[in-house]
């Protein structure tokens, strides 16, 4: 988009948020689990840290699945 159409760019960004409301939530959850895992590794609790890293992979996979699912659902319809 060119800089002469900021209204259209804002509209498209808003539309993306409406179509994918759970993707930002999934991204925040992924970041939270990652942070908790890194903190537990730093504190020496490697068992909990490893469990949280596995949980991060699951949450991250769910976020990607949401992105793909919503892209498929809102994709071009004939």
PDB file of N, CA and C in Angstrom:
ATOM      1  N   UNK A   1       0.843  -1.178   0.000  1.00  0.00           N
ATOM      2  CA  UNK A   1       0.000   0.000   0.000  1.00  0.00           C
ATOM      3  C   UNK A   1       0.887   1.240   0.000  1.00  0.00           C
ATOM      4  N   UNK A   2       0.429   2.234  -0.665  1.00  0.00           N
ATOM      5  CA  UNK A   2       1.183   3.476  -0.673  1.00  0.00           C
ATOM      6  C   UNK A   2       0.828   4.294   0.562  1.00  0.00           C
ATOM      7  N   UNK A   3       1.652   5.283   0.823  1.00  0.00           N
ATOM      8  CA  UNK A   3       1.420   6.121   2.000  1.00  0.00           C
ATOM      9  C   UNK A   3       0.245   7.068   1.798  1.00  0.00           C
ATOM     10  N   UNK A   4      -0.259   7.183   0.570  1.00  0.00           N
ATOM     11  CA  UNK A   4      -1.387   8.077   0.323  1.00  0.00           C
ATOM     12  C   UNK A   4      -2.717   7.458   0.740  1.00  0.00           C
ATOM     13  N   UNK A   5      -2.714   6.186   1.145  1.00  0.00           N
ATOM     14  CA  UNK A   5      -3.949   5.510   1.533  1.00  0.00           C
ATOM     15  C   UNK A   5      -3.860   4.942   2.952  1.00  0.00           C
ATOM     16  N   UNK A   6      -3.619   5.788   3.950  1.00  0.00           N
ATOM     17  CA  UNK A   6      -3.509   5.246   5.318  1.00  0.00           C
ATOM     18  C   UNK A   6      -4.841   4.727   5.843  1.00  0.00           C
ATOM     19  N   UNK A   7      -5.947   5.311   5.387  1.00  0.00           N
ATOM     20  CA  UNK A   7      -7.261   4.850   5.834  1.00  0.00           C
ATOM     21  C   UNK A   7      -7.507   3.408   5.380  1.00  0.00           C
ATOM     22  N   UNK A   8      -7.162   3.109   4.145  1.00  0.00           N
ATOM     23  CA  UNK A   8      -7.358   1.757   3.612  1.00  0.00           C
ATOM     24  C   UNK A   8      -6.466   0.758   4.339  1.00  0.00           C
ATOM     25  N   UNK A   9      -5.239   1.142   4.645  1.00  0.00           N
ATOM     26  CA  UNK A   9      -4.323   0.255   5.361  1.00  0.00           C
ATOM     27  C   UNK A   9      -4.847  -0.038   6.766  1.00  0.00           C
ATOM     28  N   UNK A  10      -5.349   0.979   7.467  1.00  0.00           N
ATOM     29  CA  UNK A  10      -5.938   0.767   8.788  1.00  0.00           C
ATOM     30  C   UNK A  10      -7.160  -0.131   8.703  1.00  0.00           C
ATOM     31  N   UNK A  11      -7.960   0.057   7.676  1.00  0.00           N
ATOM     32  CA  UNK A  11      -9.153  -0.770   7.488  1.00  0.00           C
ATOM     33  C   UNK A  11      -8.762  -2.233   7.291  1.00  0.00           C
ATOM     34  N   UNK A  12      -7.748  -2.495   6.479  1.00  0.00           N
ATOM     35  CA  UNK A  12      -7.325  -3.872   6.221  1.00  0.00           C
ATOM     36  C   UNK A  12      -6.736  -4.510   7.473  1.00  0.00           C
ATOM     37  N   UNK A  13      -5.970  -3.752   8.254  1.00  0.00           N
ATOM     38  CA  UNK A  13      -5.431  -4.288   9.498  1.00  0.00           C
ATOM     39  C   UNK A  13      -6.543  -4.621  10.480  1.00  0.00           C
ATOM     40  N   UNK A  14      -7.546  -3.778  10.569  1.00  0.00           N
ATOM     41  CA  UNK A  14      -8.685  -4.030  11.444  1.00  0.00           C
ATOM     42  C   UNK A  14      -9.443  -5.276  10.982  1.00  0.00           C
ATOM     43  N   UNK A  15      -9.587  -5.434   9.684  1.00  0.00           N
ATOM     44  CA  UNK A  15     -10.287  -6.590   9.134  1.00  0.00           C
ATOM     45  C   UNK A  15      -9.538  -7.883   9.463  1.00  0.00           C
ATOM     46  N   UNK A  16      -8.222  -7.847   9.425  1.00  0.00           N
ATOM     47  CA  UNK A  16      -7.432  -9.025   9.783  1.00  0.00           C
ATOM     48  C   UNK A  16      -7.655  -9.398  11.242  1.00  0.00           C
ATOM     49  N   UNK A  17      -7.717  -8.407  12.117  1.00  0.00           N
ATOM     50  CA  UNK A  17      -7.943  -8.689  13.534  1.00  0.00           C
ATOM     51  C   UNK A  17      -9.319  -9.269  13.784  1.00  0.00           C
ATOM     52  N   UNK A  18     -10.296  -8.832  13.018  1.00  0.00           N
ATOM     53  CA  UNK A  18     -11.643  -9.361  13.172  1.00  0.00           C
ATOM     54  C   UNK A  18     -11.698 -10.806  12.688  1.00  0.00           C
ATOM     55  N   UNK A  19     -11.035 -11.098  11.589  1.00  0.00           N
ATOM     56  CA  UNK A  19     -11.055 -12.453  11.045  1.00  0.00           C
ATOM     57  C   UNK A  19     -10.239 -13.421  11.897  1.00  0.00           C
ATOM     58  N   UNK A  20      -9.189 -12.963  12.523  1.00  0.00           N
ATOM     59  CA  UNK A  20      -8.300 -13.821  13.304  1.00  0.00           C
ATOM     60  C   UNK A  20      -8.215 -13.352  14.747  1.00  0.00           C
ATOM     61  N   UNK A  21      -9.301 -13.378  15.501  1.00  0.00           N
ATOM     62  CA  UNK A  21      -9.235 -12.844  16.864  1.00  0.00           C
ATOM     63  C   UNK A  21      -8.420 -13.708  17.813  1.00  0.00           C
ATOM     64  N   UNK A  22      -8.281 -14.992  17.528  1.00  0.00           N
ATOM     65  CA  UNK A  22      -7.570 -15.883  18.438  1.00  0.00           C
ATOM     66  C   UNK A  22      -6.074 -15.979  18.154  1.00  0.00           C
ATOM     67  N   UNK A  23      -5.638 -15.513  16.999  1.00  0.00           N
ATOM     68  CA  UNK A  23      -4.218 -15.598  16.669  1.00  0.00           C
ATOM     69  C   UNK A  23      -3.365 -14.733  17.602  1.00  0.00           C
ATOM     70  N   UNK A  24      -3.725 -13.483  17.894  1.00  0.00           N
ATOM     71  CA  UNK A  24      -2.928 -12.720  18.863  1.00  0.00           C
ATOM     72  C   UNK A  24      -2.938 -13.360  20.257  1.00  0.00           C
ATOM     73  N   UNK A  25      -4.058 -13.960  20.636  1.00  0.00           N
ATOM     74  CA  UNK A  25      -4.126 -14.652  21.930  1.00  0.00           C
ATOM     75  C   UNK A  25      -3.153 -15.823  21.929  1.00  0.00           C
ATOM     76  N   UNK A  26      -3.130 -16.586  20.837  1.00  0.00           N
ATOM     77  CA  UNK A  26      -2.197 -17.711  20.734  1.00  0.00           C
ATOM     78  C   UNK A  26      -0.752 -17.263  20.756  1.00  0.00           C
ATOM     79  N   UNK A  27      -0.471 -16.144  20.107  1.00  0.00           N
ATOM     80  CA  UNK A  27       0.899 -15.623  20.108  1.00  0.00           C
ATOM     81  C   UNK A  27       1.313 -15.201  21.514  1.00  0.00           C
ATOM     82  N   UNK A  28       0.406 -14.567  22.246  1.00  0.00           N
ATOM     83  CA  UNK A  28       0.717 -14.167  23.626  1.00  0.00           C
ATOM     84  C   UNK A  28       0.895 -15.388  24.527  1.00  0.00           C
ATOM     85  N   UNK A  29       0.065 -16.402  24.319  1.00  0.00           N
ATOM     86  CA  UNK A  29       0.211 -17.628  25.111  1.00  0.00           C
ATOM     87  C   UNK A  29       1.560 -18.297  24.826  1.00  0.00           C
ATOM     88  N   UNK A  30       1.943 -18.328  23.559  1.00  0.00           N
ATOM     89  CA  UNK A  30       3.230 -18.911  23.188  1.00  0.00           C
ATOM     90  C   UNK A  30       4.372 -18.153  23.866  1.00  0.00           C
ATOM     91  N   UNK A  31       4.315 -16.837  23.820  1.00  0.00           N
ATOM     92  CA  UNK A  31       5.350 -16.024  24.451  1.00  0.00           C
ATOM     93  C   UNK A  31       5.376 -16.226  25.961  1.00  0.00           C
ATOM     94  N   UNK A  32       4.194 -16.354  26.571  1.00  0.00           N
ATOM     95  CA  UNK A  32       4.129 -16.569  28.015  1.00  0.00           C
ATOM     96  C   UNK A  32       4.711 -17.902  28.436  1.00  0.00           C
ATOM     97  N   UNK A  33       4.372 -18.963  27.701  1.00  0.00           N
ATOM     98  CA  UNK A  33       4.903 -20.286  28.036  1.00  0.00           C
ATOM     99  C   UNK A  33       6.414 -20.325  27.791  1.00  0.00           C
ATOM    100  N   UNK A  34       6.864 -19.676  26.716  1.00  0.00           N
ATOM    101  CA  UNK A  34       8.301 -19.610  26.444  1.00  0.00           C
ATOM    102  C   UNK A  34       9.033 -18.893  27.568  1.00  0.00           C
ATOM    103  N   UNK A  35       8.494 -17.774  28.015  1.00  0.00           N
ATOM    104  CA  UNK A  35       9.121 -17.022  29.102  1.00  0.00           C
ATOM    105  C   UNK A  35       9.172 -17.836  30.386  1.00  0.00           C
ATOM    106  N   UNK A  36       8.056 -18.500  30.705  1.00  0.00           N
ATOM    107  CA  UNK A  36       8.027 -19.327  31.910  1.00  0.00           C
ATOM    108  C   UNK A  36       9.035 -20.470  31.813  1.00  0.00           C
ATOM    109  N   UNK A  37       9.164 -21.064  30.650  1.00  0.00           N
ATOM    110  CA  UNK A  37      10.135 -22.141  30.464  1.00  0.00           C
ATOM    111  C   UNK A  37      11.567 -21.663  30.618  1.00  0.00           C
ATOM    112  N   UNK A  38      11.864 -20.503  30.043  1.00  0.00           N
ATOM    113  CA  UNK A  38      13.218 -19.963  30.164  1.00  0.00           C
ATOM    114  C   UNK A  38      13.545 -19.594  31.611  1.00  0.00           C
ATOM    115  N   UNK A  39      12.561 -19.062  32.320  1.00  0.00           N
ATOM    116  CA  UNK A  39      12.769 -18.722  33.728  1.00  0.00           C
ATOM    117  C   UNK A  39      13.030 -19.982  34.542  1.00  0.00           C
ATOM    118  N   UNK A  40      12.269 -21.036  34.286  1.00  0.00           N
ATOM    119  CA  UNK A  40      12.470 -22.258  35.058  1.00  0.00           C
ATOM    120  C   UNK A  40      13.817 -22.908  34.733  1.00  0.00           C
ATOM    121  N   UNK A  41      14.268 -22.828  33.476  1.00  0.00           N
ATOM    122  CA  UNK A  41      15.615 -23.318  33.152  1.00  0.00           C
ATOM    123  C   UNK A  41      16.663 -22.513  33.901  1.00  0.00           C
ATOM    124  N   UNK A  42      16.459 -21.217  33.943  1.00  0.00           N
ATOM    125  CA  UNK A  42      17.419 -20.334  34.621  1.00  0.00           C
ATOM    126  C   UNK A  42      17.499 -20.624  36.116  1.00  0.00           C
ATOM    127  N   UNK A  43      16.354 -21.011  36.697  1.00  0.00           N
ATOM    128  CA  UNK A  43      16.325 -21.329  38.124  1.00  0.00           C
ATOM    129  C   UNK A  43      16.822 -22.741  38.421  1.00  0.00           C
ATOM    130  N   UNK A  44      17.131 -23.497  37.391  1.00  0.00           N
ATOM    131  CA  UNK A  44      17.679 -24.831  37.589  1.00  0.00           C
ATOM    132  C   UNK A  44      16.660 -25.949  37.577  1.00  0.00           C
ATOM    133  N   UNK A  45      15.412 -25.647  37.310  1.00  0.00           N
ATOM    134  CA  UNK A  45      14.371 -26.664  37.262  1.00  0.00           C
ATOM    135  C   UNK A  45      14.224 -27.130  35.815  1.00  0.00           C
ATOM    136  N   UNK A  46      15.123 -28.011  35.401  1.00  0.00           N
ATOM    137  CA  UNK A  46      15.140 -28.424  33.999  1.00  0.00           C
ATOM    138  C   UNK A  46      13.949 -29.305  33.639  1.00  0.00           C
ATOM    139  N   UNK A  47      13.422 -30.054  34.584  1.00  0.00           N
ATOM    140  CA  UNK A  47      12.267 -30.912  34.288  1.00  0.00           C
ATOM    141  C   UNK A  47      11.034 -30.058  33.929  1.00  0.00           C
ATOM    142  N   UNK A  48      10.751 -29.048  34.748  1.00  0.00           N
ATOM    143  CA  UNK A  48       9.638 -28.150  34.458  1.00  0.00           C
ATOM    144  C   UNK A  48       9.901 -27.348  33.187  1.00  0.00           C
ATOM    145  N   UNK A  49      11.136 -26.907  33.010  1.00  0.00           N
ATOM    146  CA  UNK A  49      11.496 -26.158  31.815  1.00  0.00           C
ATOM    147  C   UNK A  49      11.264 -26.970  30.551  1.00  0.00           C
ATOM    148  N   UNK A  50      11.630 -28.243  30.590  1.00  0.00           N
ATOM    149  CA  UNK A  50      11.424 -29.116  29.438  1.00  0.00           C
ATOM    150  C   UNK A  50       9.935 -29.321  29.164  1.00  0.00           C
ATOM    151  N   UNK A  51       9.157 -29.484  30.221  1.00  0.00           N
ATOM    152  CA  UNK A  51       7.709 -29.635  30.079  1.00  0.00           C
ATOM    153  C   UNK A  51       7.094 -28.376  29.465  1.00  0.00           C
ATOM    154  N   UNK A  52       7.550 -27.218  29.897  1.00  0.00           N
ATOM    155  CA  UNK A  52       7.032 -25.957  29.349  1.00  0.00           C
ATOM    156  C   UNK A  52       7.463 -25.749  27.894  1.00  0.00           C
ATOM    157  N   UNK A  53       8.652 -26.208  27.529  1.00  0.00           N
ATOM    158  CA  UNK A  53       9.080 -26.095  26.136  1.00  0.00           C
ATOM    159  C   UNK A  53       8.210 -26.982  25.247  1.00  0.00           C
ATOM    160  N   UNK A  54       7.841 -28.147  25.745  1.00  0.00           N
ATOM    161  CA  UNK A  54       6.932 -29.009  24.977  1.00  0.00           C
ATOM    162  C   UNK A  54       5.547 -28.375  24.871  1.00  0.00           C
ATOM    163  N   UNK A  55       5.105 -27.751  25.950  1.00  0.00           N
ATOM    164  CA  UNK A  55       3.813 -27.064  25.922  1.00  0.00           C
ATOM    165  C   UNK A  55       3.852 -25.902  24.937  1.00  0.00           C
ATOM    166  N   UNK A  56       4.984 -25.236  24.853  1.00  0.00           N
ATOM    167  CA  UNK A  56       5.131 -24.127  23.904  1.00  0.00           C
ATOM    168  C   UNK A  56       4.965 -24.616  22.478  1.00  0.00           C
ATOM    169  N   UNK A  57       5.525 -25.774  22.177  1.00  0.00           N
ATOM    170  CA  UNK A  57       5.401 -26.322  20.825  1.00  0.00           C
ATOM    171  C   UNK A  57       3.937 -26.613  20.505  1.00  0.00           C
ATOM    172  N   UNK A  58       3.211 -27.146  21.478  1.00  0.00           N
ATOM    173  CA  UNK A  58       1.790 -27.448  21.276  1.00  0.00           C
ATOM    174  C   UNK A  58       0.999 -26.162  21.060  1.00  0.00           C
ATOM    175  N   UNK A  59       1.242 -25.154  21.886  1.00  0.00           N
ATOM    176  CA  UNK A  59       0.517 -23.881  21.757  1.00  0.00           C
ATOM    177  C   UNK A  59       0.881 -23.199  20.445  1.00  0.00           C
ATOM    178  N   UNK A  60       2.139 -23.256  20.072  1.00  0.00           N
ATOM    179  CA  UNK A  60       2.576 -22.647  18.825  1.00  0.00           C
ATOM    180  C   UNK A  60       1.939 -23.360  17.632  1.00  0.00           C
ATOM    181  N   UNK A  61       1.863 -24.678  17.705  1.00  0.00           N
ATOM    182  CA  UNK A  61       1.210 -25.444  16.641  1.00  0.00           C
ATOM    183  C   UNK A  61      -0.264 -25.103  16.528  1.00  0.00           C
ATOM    184  N   UNK A  62      -0.931 -24.924  17.667  1.00  0.00           N
ATOM    185  CA  UNK A  62      -2.342 -24.546  17.656  1.00  0.00           C
ATOM    186  C   UNK A  62      -2.534 -23.165  17.040  1.00  0.00           C
ATOM    187  N   UNK A  63      -1.619 -22.260  17.314  1.00  0.00           N
ATOM    188  CA  UNK A  63      -1.696 -20.920  16.737  1.00  0.00           C
ATOM    189  C   UNK A  63      -1.535 -20.976  15.219  1.00  0.00           C
ATOM    190  N   UNK A  64      -0.583 -21.755  14.753  1.00  0.00           N
ATOM    191  CA  UNK A  64      -0.383 -21.896  13.308  1.00  0.00           C
ATOM    192  C   UNK A  64      -1.611 -22.557  12.675  1.00  0.00           C
ATOM    193  N   UNK A  65      -2.177 -23.560  13.350  1.00  0.00           N
ATOM    194  CA  UNK A  65      -3.383 -24.209  12.835  1.00  0.00           C
ATOM    195  C   UNK A  65      -4.540 -23.215  12.740  1.00  0.00           C
ATOM    196  N   UNK A  66      -4.664 -22.326  13.725  1.00  0.00           N
ATOM    197  CA  UNK A  66      -5.693 -21.284  13.667  1.00  0.00           C
ATOM    198  C   UNK A  66      -5.474 -20.348  12.485  1.00  0.00           C
ATOM    199  N   UNK A  67      -4.230 -19.991  12.246  1.00  0.00           N
ATOM    200  CA  UNK A  67      -3.923 -19.106  11.125  1.00  0.00           C
ATOM    201  C   UNK A  67      -4.277 -19.767   9.800  1.00  0.00           C
ATOM    202  N   UNK A  68      -3.906 -21.029   9.648  1.00  0.00           N
ATOM    203  CA  UNK A  68      -4.191 -21.741   8.409  1.00  0.00           C
ATOM    204  C   UNK A  68      -5.699 -21.958   8.259  1.00  0.00           C
ATOM    205  N   UNK A  69      -6.354 -22.318   9.369  1.00  0.00           N
ATOM    206  CA  UNK A  69      -7.789 -22.551   9.320  1.00  0.00           C
ATOM    207  C   UNK A  69      -8.583 -21.318   8.949  1.00  0.00           C
ATOM    208  N   UNK A  70      -8.231 -20.189   9.523  1.00  0.00           N
ATOM    209  CA  UNK A  70      -8.962 -18.967   9.192  1.00  0.00           C
ATOM    210  C   UNK A  70      -8.637 -18.494   7.779  1.00  0.00           C
ATOM    211  N   UNK A  71      -7.407 -18.707   7.340  1.00  0.00           N
ATOM    212  CA  UNK A  71      -7.058 -18.350   5.961  1.00  0.00           C
ATOM    213  C   UNK A  71      -7.852 -19.215   4.984  1.00  0.00           C
ATOM    214  N   UNK A  72      -8.010 -20.483   5.298  1.00  0.00           N
ATOM    215  CA  UNK A  72      -8.788 -21.372   4.437  1.00  0.00           C
ATOM    216  C   UNK A  72     -10.264 -20.973   4.454  1.00  0.00           C
ATOM    217  N   UNK A  73     -10.778 -20.682   5.644  1.00  0.00           N
ATOM    218  CA  UNK A  73     -12.194 -20.345   5.785  1.00  0.00           C
ATOM    219  C   UNK A  73     -12.538 -19.041   5.081  1.00  0.00           C
ATOM    220  N   UNK A  74     -11.683 -18.033   5.221  1.00  0.00           N
ATOM    221  CA  UNK A  74     -11.942 -16.730   4.620  1.00  0.00           C
ATOM    222  C   UNK A  74     -11.280 -16.565   3.256  1.00  0.00           C
ATOM    223  N   UNK A  75     -10.707 -17.642   2.742  1.00  0.00           N
ATOM    224  CA  UNK A  75     -10.047 -17.566   1.430  1.00  0.00           C
ATOM    225  C   UNK A  75     -11.051 -17.294   0.332  1.00  0.00           C
ATOM    226  N   UNK A  76     -10.567 -17.347  -0.885  1.00  0.00           N
ATOM    227  CA  UNK A  76     -11.424 -17.058  -2.031  1.00  0.00           C
ATOM    228  C   UNK A  76     -12.541 -18.090  -2.113  1.00  0.00           C
ATOM    229  N   UNK A  77     -13.754 -17.586  -2.126  1.00  0.00           N
ATOM    230  CA  UNK A  77     -14.924 -18.455  -2.263  1.00  0.00           C
ATOM    231  C   UNK A  77     -15.517 -18.228  -3.641  1.00  0.00           C
ATOM    232  N   UNK A  78     -15.779 -19.326  -4.319  1.00  0.00           N
ATOM    233  CA  UNK A  78     -16.311 -19.223  -5.690  1.00  0.00           C
ATOM    234  C   UNK A  78     -17.814 -19.173  -5.665  1.00  0.00           C
TER     235      UNK A  78
END
